[in-house]
N, C-alpha and C. Protein backbone atom coordinates (compact mmCIF):
# COMPACT_ATOMS: atom_id res chain seq x y z
N MET A 1 12.53 78.74 28.07
CA MET A 1 11.12 78.45 28.16
C MET A 1 10.77 77.44 27.07
N THR A 2 9.76 76.68 27.38
CA THR A 2 9.25 75.73 26.41
C THR A 2 7.78 76.01 26.16
N THR A 3 7.23 75.45 25.12
CA THR A 3 5.84 75.67 24.76
C THR A 3 5.03 74.42 25.03
N LEU A 4 3.81 74.61 25.53
CA LEU A 4 2.89 73.52 25.80
C LEU A 4 1.52 73.94 25.28
N ASN A 5 0.97 73.15 24.39
CA ASN A 5 -0.37 73.42 23.87
C ASN A 5 -1.39 72.65 24.69
N ILE A 6 -2.45 73.34 25.12
CA ILE A 6 -3.49 72.69 25.91
C ILE A 6 -4.87 72.99 25.31
N SER A 7 -5.81 72.11 25.60
CA SER A 7 -7.20 72.33 25.19
C SER A 7 -8.01 72.69 26.43
N LEU A 8 -8.87 73.68 26.27
CA LEU A 8 -9.72 74.14 27.38
C LEU A 8 -11.16 74.27 26.91
N PRO A 9 -12.10 74.06 27.82
CA PRO A 9 -13.49 74.36 27.48
C PRO A 9 -13.64 75.87 27.23
N GLU A 10 -14.62 76.22 26.45
CA GLU A 10 -14.83 77.63 26.09
C GLU A 10 -15.00 78.52 27.31
N ASP A 11 -15.69 78.04 28.35
CA ASP A 11 -15.90 78.89 29.53
C ASP A 11 -14.60 79.20 30.25
N MET A 12 -13.65 78.27 30.23
CA MET A 12 -12.35 78.54 30.86
C MET A 12 -11.56 79.55 30.03
N LYS A 13 -11.63 79.43 28.72
CA LYS A 13 -10.96 80.40 27.85
C LYS A 13 -11.54 81.79 28.09
N THR A 14 -12.86 81.86 28.21
CA THR A 14 -13.52 83.14 28.48
C THR A 14 -13.04 83.72 29.82
N TRP A 15 -12.94 82.87 30.84
CA TRP A 15 -12.49 83.31 32.16
C TRP A 15 -11.06 83.88 32.07
N ILE A 16 -10.18 83.16 31.37
CA ILE A 16 -8.80 83.63 31.22
C ILE A 16 -8.80 84.99 30.52
N ASN A 17 -9.57 85.12 29.46
CA ASN A 17 -9.63 86.40 28.74
C ASN A 17 -10.14 87.52 29.63
N GLN A 18 -11.10 87.22 30.50
CA GLN A 18 -11.59 88.23 31.44
C GLN A 18 -10.48 88.67 32.39
N ARG A 19 -9.67 87.73 32.84
CA ARG A 19 -8.56 88.07 33.75
C ARG A 19 -7.54 88.95 33.04
N ILE A 20 -7.34 88.70 31.75
CA ILE A 20 -6.40 89.51 30.97
C ILE A 20 -6.96 90.92 30.77
N VAL A 21 -8.22 91.01 30.37
CA VAL A 21 -8.87 92.30 30.14
C VAL A 21 -8.89 93.13 31.42
N SER A 22 -9.07 92.47 32.57
CA SER A 22 -9.12 93.20 33.84
C SER A 22 -7.76 93.77 34.23
N GLY A 23 -6.71 93.31 33.54
CA GLY A 23 -5.37 93.80 33.83
C GLY A 23 -4.62 92.97 34.86
N ASP A 24 -5.24 91.90 35.35
CA ASP A 24 -4.57 91.05 36.33
C ASP A 24 -3.39 90.30 35.72
N TYR A 25 -3.49 89.97 34.45
CA TYR A 25 -2.44 89.24 33.73
C TYR A 25 -2.29 89.85 32.35
N SER A 26 -1.09 89.76 31.80
CA SER A 26 -0.87 90.36 30.48
C SER A 26 -1.21 89.40 29.34
N ASN A 27 -1.21 88.09 29.63
CA ASN A 27 -1.57 87.11 28.60
C ASN A 27 -1.93 85.78 29.25
N ALA A 28 -2.42 84.85 28.44
CA ALA A 28 -2.86 83.55 28.96
C ALA A 28 -1.70 82.77 29.58
N SER A 29 -0.54 82.85 28.98
CA SER A 29 0.62 82.13 29.52
C SER A 29 0.95 82.59 30.93
N GLU A 30 0.92 83.89 31.15
CA GLU A 30 1.21 84.43 32.48
C GLU A 30 0.20 83.92 33.51
N TYR A 31 -1.06 83.86 33.12
CA TYR A 31 -2.12 83.37 34.02
C TYR A 31 -1.90 81.90 34.35
N ILE A 32 -1.66 81.07 33.36
CA ILE A 32 -1.44 79.64 33.57
C ILE A 32 -0.19 79.42 34.41
N GLN A 33 0.88 80.15 34.13
CA GLN A 33 2.11 80.04 34.93
C GLN A 33 1.84 80.37 36.39
N SER A 34 1.02 81.39 36.62
CA SER A 34 0.67 81.77 37.99
C SER A 34 -0.07 80.64 38.70
N LEU A 35 -1.02 80.02 38.02
CA LEU A 35 -1.77 78.91 38.61
C LEU A 35 -0.86 77.73 38.94
N ILE A 36 0.02 77.40 38.01
CA ILE A 36 0.93 76.28 38.23
C ILE A 36 1.89 76.59 39.36
N SER A 37 2.39 77.81 39.43
CA SER A 37 3.30 78.19 40.51
C SER A 37 2.63 78.06 41.86
N ARG A 38 1.38 78.53 41.96
CA ARG A 38 0.65 78.41 43.22
C ARG A 38 0.43 76.96 43.60
N ASP A 39 0.08 76.13 42.63
CA ASP A 39 -0.14 74.71 42.89
C ASP A 39 1.16 74.05 43.34
N TYR A 40 2.25 74.38 42.66
CA TYR A 40 3.56 73.83 43.01
C TYR A 40 3.93 74.20 44.45
N LEU A 41 3.77 75.48 44.79
CA LEU A 41 4.11 75.93 46.14
C LEU A 41 3.20 75.31 47.19
N GLN A 42 1.93 75.16 46.87
CA GLN A 42 0.99 74.51 47.79
C GLN A 42 1.44 73.08 48.09
N GLN A 43 1.84 72.37 47.06
CA GLN A 43 2.29 70.99 47.24
C GLN A 43 3.57 70.94 48.07
N ARG A 44 4.48 71.86 47.78
CA ARG A 44 5.75 71.90 48.53
C ARG A 44 5.50 72.21 50.00
N LEU A 45 4.57 73.11 50.27
CA LEU A 45 4.26 73.46 51.66
C LEU A 45 3.55 72.33 52.39
N ALA A 46 2.84 71.49 51.65
CA ALA A 46 2.12 70.37 52.26
C ALA A 46 3.05 69.22 52.63
N GLU A 47 4.23 69.19 52.02
CA GLU A 47 5.19 68.12 52.30
C GLU A 47 5.84 68.36 53.66
N PRO A 48 6.16 67.29 54.37
CA PRO A 48 6.87 67.50 55.64
C PRO A 48 8.25 68.09 55.36
N PRO A 49 8.70 68.98 56.22
CA PRO A 49 10.01 69.59 55.98
C PRO A 49 11.13 68.57 56.10
N PRO A 50 12.16 68.71 55.27
CA PRO A 50 13.29 67.80 55.38
C PRO A 50 14.02 67.97 56.72
N ASP A 51 14.72 66.95 57.13
CA ASP A 51 15.45 66.99 58.40
C ASP A 51 16.48 68.11 58.45
N GLU A 52 16.93 68.55 57.27
CA GLU A 52 17.95 69.60 57.26
C GLU A 52 17.46 70.88 57.94
N PHE A 53 16.14 71.10 58.00
CA PHE A 53 15.60 72.29 58.64
C PHE A 53 15.72 72.25 60.16
N ALA A 54 15.90 71.08 60.72
CA ALA A 54 15.91 70.92 62.18
C ALA A 54 16.97 71.79 62.86
N ASN A 55 18.09 71.99 62.20
CA ASN A 55 19.19 72.74 62.81
C ASN A 55 19.33 74.14 62.23
N MET A 56 18.30 74.60 61.53
CA MET A 56 18.37 75.92 60.91
C MET A 56 17.47 76.90 61.66
N SER A 57 17.87 78.17 61.63
CA SER A 57 17.03 79.21 62.24
C SER A 57 15.86 79.50 61.30
N GLU A 58 14.86 80.17 61.84
CA GLU A 58 13.70 80.54 61.02
C GLU A 58 14.14 81.41 59.85
N ALA A 59 15.05 82.33 60.10
CA ALA A 59 15.53 83.23 59.04
C ALA A 59 16.23 82.43 57.94
N GLU A 60 17.00 81.42 58.31
CA GLU A 60 17.69 80.60 57.32
C GLU A 60 16.69 79.80 56.48
N VAL A 61 15.67 79.27 57.13
CA VAL A 61 14.65 78.50 56.41
C VAL A 61 13.91 79.42 55.44
N MET A 62 13.52 80.60 55.90
CA MET A 62 12.80 81.54 55.03
C MET A 62 13.66 81.96 53.85
N GLN A 63 14.95 82.16 54.07
CA GLN A 63 15.85 82.51 52.97
C GLN A 63 15.91 81.37 51.95
N MET A 64 15.97 80.14 52.44
CA MET A 64 16.01 78.98 51.56
C MET A 64 14.72 78.90 50.73
N VAL A 65 13.59 79.17 51.37
CA VAL A 65 12.30 79.14 50.67
C VAL A 65 12.26 80.22 49.60
N ARG A 66 12.70 81.44 49.95
CA ARG A 66 12.72 82.53 48.97
C ARG A 66 13.60 82.17 47.77
N GLU A 67 14.75 81.56 48.04
CA GLU A 67 15.65 81.17 46.95
C GLU A 67 15.02 80.10 46.07
N GLU A 68 14.31 79.15 46.68
CA GLU A 68 13.66 78.10 45.91
C GLU A 68 12.54 78.68 45.04
N ILE A 69 11.77 79.60 45.60
CA ILE A 69 10.71 80.24 44.82
C ILE A 69 11.31 80.99 43.64
N GLN A 70 12.36 81.74 43.88
CA GLN A 70 13.01 82.50 42.81
C GLN A 70 13.56 81.56 41.74
N ALA A 71 14.17 80.46 42.16
CA ALA A 71 14.70 79.49 41.20
C ALA A 71 13.58 78.89 40.37
N TYR A 72 12.45 78.61 41.00
CA TYR A 72 11.31 78.04 40.27
C TYR A 72 10.78 79.05 39.26
N ARG A 73 10.66 80.29 39.67
CA ARG A 73 10.12 81.32 38.77
C ARG A 73 11.03 81.57 37.57
N THR A 74 12.32 81.41 37.76
CA THR A 74 13.26 81.66 36.67
C THR A 74 13.58 80.39 35.89
N GLY A 75 12.92 79.29 36.26
CA GLY A 75 13.12 78.04 35.53
C GLY A 75 14.37 77.28 35.89
N LYS A 76 14.95 77.59 37.04
CA LYS A 76 16.19 76.93 37.46
C LYS A 76 15.96 75.88 38.53
N ALA A 77 14.70 75.59 38.83
CA ALA A 77 14.40 74.58 39.87
C ALA A 77 14.13 73.24 39.24
């Protein structure tokens, strides 16, 4: 893992703290990672699928997607 320092308006910091207090996230890093992961996946889903999917079954494609998500979450993507 690496560290990234960011500046936020006070209202965003308050919102993050509310999400932590509610128990949805354990800390600010977890919340920000969740947002970035969702954005990353949204972008990936918006891209046209590569030609390699043309000859794959739905189950094979879903397995590939699950593996990519897991790799991204563990920092191996």
